[in-house]
Amino acid sequence: MPARKVASVEEFLARLDDVQRPHVEALRALSLEAAEGTEIVEALKFNFPAYAAQTMVWTLQVFKNHCSVRFPVAFFADRRDEAIAAGYDAIEGALTIRWDQEVPEAIVRRLLAERVDDYEAGHTAWSTPGQRAGPKK
């Protein structure tokens, strides 16, 4: 059964359990820090917290056994190996963090900063692997 729709990021966070909340709140804080001073704003997209401007830039996701920071596949492809080497799962387009793992703040902070730079350089495509959009309009 799909998760019930939430009306806001605050409601999304309020519904998390005690195991999930610290991880997601840490990822949210890192996300808000990375978005500061840019056109990127926090929004609710597909029932998850997302950081978006003209298009989605990254999103936070929560599942039964882990949470993740999801990026465009083309952006994350060259960065997966670092996450795996640090002991984290990295699926296509996402760094996943099990509830029994610490949030890798240094890695996440760097990934978010690089994604902001990537987005601001005009790489706005999200859904098509390998696709790069032209300059932002």
Protein backbone atom coordinates (compact mmCIF):
# COMPACT_ATOMS: atom_id res chain seq x y z
CA MET A 1 0.00 0.00 0.00
CA PRO A 2 1.44 3.42 -0.89
CA ALA A 3 2.24 5.88 1.88
CA ARG A 4 -0.50 8.34 2.73
CA LYS A 5 -0.03 11.74 1.13
CA VAL A 6 1.38 14.43 3.37
CA ALA A 7 0.75 18.15 3.06
CA SER A 8 4.19 19.48 4.02
CA VAL A 9 7.78 18.55 4.81
CA GLU A 10 7.00 19.19 8.48
CA GLU A 11 4.16 16.66 8.35
CA PHE A 12 6.46 14.20 6.58
CA LEU A 13 9.02 14.55 9.39
CA ALA A 14 6.35 14.28 12.09
CA ARG A 15 5.31 10.88 10.73
CA LEU A 16 8.81 9.41 10.97
CA ASP A 17 9.57 7.01 13.79
CA ASP A 18 12.33 7.48 16.36
CA VAL A 19 14.84 5.46 14.33
CA GLN A 20 14.22 7.34 11.08
CA ARG A 21 13.89 10.91 12.34
CA PRO A 22 17.54 11.64 13.32
CA HIS A 23 18.85 10.51 9.94
CA VAL A 24 16.31 12.44 7.92
CA GLU A 25 16.62 15.57 10.06
CA ALA A 26 20.41 15.47 9.58
CA LEU A 27 19.98 15.09 5.81
CA ARG A 28 17.43 17.90 5.80
CA ALA A 29 19.81 20.22 7.68
CA LEU A 30 22.61 19.43 5.21
CA SER A 31 20.20 20.01 2.32
CA LEU A 32 19.02 23.37 3.62
CA GLU A 33 22.64 24.40 4.18
CA ALA A 34 23.56 23.45 0.61
CA ALA A 35 20.55 25.29 -0.84
CA GLU A 36 21.20 28.48 1.12
CA GLY A 37 21.89 31.45 -1.16
CA THR A 38 20.64 29.65 -4.28
CA GLU A 39 17.30 29.49 -6.09
CA ILE A 40 16.84 25.95 -4.72
CA VAL A 41 13.96 25.63 -2.26
CA GLU A 42 12.62 22.83 -0.11
CA ALA A 43 9.36 21.38 -1.36
CA LEU A 44 7.32 18.21 -1.14
CA LYS A 45 7.59 16.17 -4.35
CA PHE A 46 6.30 12.63 -4.81
CA ASN A 47 5.52 12.60 -1.08
CA PHE A 48 9.20 13.13 -0.12
CA PRO A 49 11.22 16.23 0.81
CA ALA A 50 12.83 17.58 -2.35
CA TYR A 51 15.14 20.42 -3.18
CA ALA A 52 14.12 22.03 -6.42
CA ALA A 53 14.29 25.14 -8.57
CA GLN A 54 13.18 24.93 -12.20
CA THR A 55 13.40 21.17 -11.77
CA MET A 56 14.24 18.76 -9.00
CA VAL A 57 17.87 19.03 -7.90
CA TRP A 58 17.90 16.23 -5.29
CA THR A 59 15.44 14.52 -3.00
CA LEU A 60 15.40 12.70 0.32
CA GLN A 61 13.63 9.36 0.51
CA VAL A 62 12.67 7.08 3.38
CA PHE A 63 12.12 3.34 3.18
CA LYS A 64 11.68 0.50 5.67
CA ASN A 65 15.38 -0.28 6.11
CA HIS A 66 17.12 2.89 4.96
CA CYS A 67 16.92 6.46 3.78
CA SER A 68 18.56 7.90 0.72
CA VAL A 69 19.67 11.05 -1.00
CA ARG A 70 18.63 10.72 -4.65
CA PHE A 71 20.36 12.58 -7.45
CA PRO A 72 20.08 12.50 -11.22
CA VAL A 73 21.63 9.23 -12.41
CA ALA A 74 24.12 11.00 -14.68
CA PHE A 75 25.37 13.16 -11.80
CA PHE A 76 25.79 10.32 -9.30
CA ALA A 77 27.34 7.78 -11.67
CA ASP A 78 30.85 9.15 -11.23
CA ARG A 79 30.43 9.43 -7.46
CA ARG A 80 29.06 6.00 -6.52
CA ASP A 81 32.43 4.38 -5.89
CA GLU A 82 33.33 6.79 -3.08
CA ALA A 83 30.11 6.00 -1.22
CA ILE A 84 30.64 2.27 -1.65
CA ALA A 85 34.26 2.54 -0.49
CA ALA A 86 33.03 4.31 2.66
CA GLY A 87 30.72 1.38 3.44
CA TYR A 88 27.45 2.75 2.12
CA ASP A 89 25.15 1.31 -0.49
CA ALA A 90 24.93 3.32 -3.66
CA ILE A 91 22.26 2.34 -6.10
CA GLU A 92 21.79 4.02 -9.46
CA GLY A 93 21.27 7.66 -8.62
CA ALA A 94 21.19 7.38 -4.81
CA LEU A 95 23.34 7.16 -1.74
CA THR A 96 21.52 4.89 0.70
CA ILE A 97 22.04 4.95 4.45
CA ARG A 98 20.79 2.10 6.63
CA TRP A 99 19.24 3.06 9.93
CA ASP A 100 22.11 1.39 11.79
CA GLN A 101 24.72 3.54 10.00
CA GLU A 102 25.83 7.07 10.78
CA VAL A 103 24.92 9.75 8.26
CA PRO A 104 28.15 10.37 6.31
CA GLU A 105 27.97 14.13 6.73
CA ALA A 106 31.21 14.96 4.93
CA ILE A 107 30.27 12.87 1.89
CA VAL A 108 26.70 14.20 1.79
CA ARG A 109 27.84 17.80 2.24
CA ARG A 110 30.29 17.45 -0.66
CA LEU A 111 27.76 15.67 -2.90
CA LEU A 112 25.16 18.37 -2.29
CA ALA A 113 27.65 21.17 -2.97
CA GLU A 114 28.76 19.46 -6.17
CA ARG A 115 25.15 18.96 -7.23
CA VAL A 116 24.38 22.64 -6.64
CA ASP A 117 27.36 23.56 -8.82
CA ASP A 118 26.28 20.98 -11.41
CA TYR A 119 22.74 22.37 -11.48
CA GLU A 120 23.94 25.96 -11.67
CA ALA A 121 26.18 24.98 -14.59
CA GLY A 122 23.02 24.05 -16.50
CA HIS A 123 22.77 20.33 -15.86
CA THR A 124 19.09 20.37 -15.07
CA ALA A 125 17.92 17.03 -16.51
CA TRP A 126 16.56 14.62 -13.94
CA SER A 127 14.81 11.59 -15.30
CA THR A 128 16.73 10.43 -18.37
CA PRO A 129 20.00 8.64 -17.54
CA GLY A 130 22.90 10.38 -19.20
CA GLN A 131 20.79 13.33 -20.37
CA ARG A 132 22.14 16.80 -19.83
CA ALA A 133 19.92 19.77 -20.43
CA GLY A 134 21.24 22.95 -21.88
CA PRO A 135 21.81 26.14 -19.94
CA LYS A 136 19.12 27.17 -17.49
CA LYS A 137 16.67 29.67 -18.98
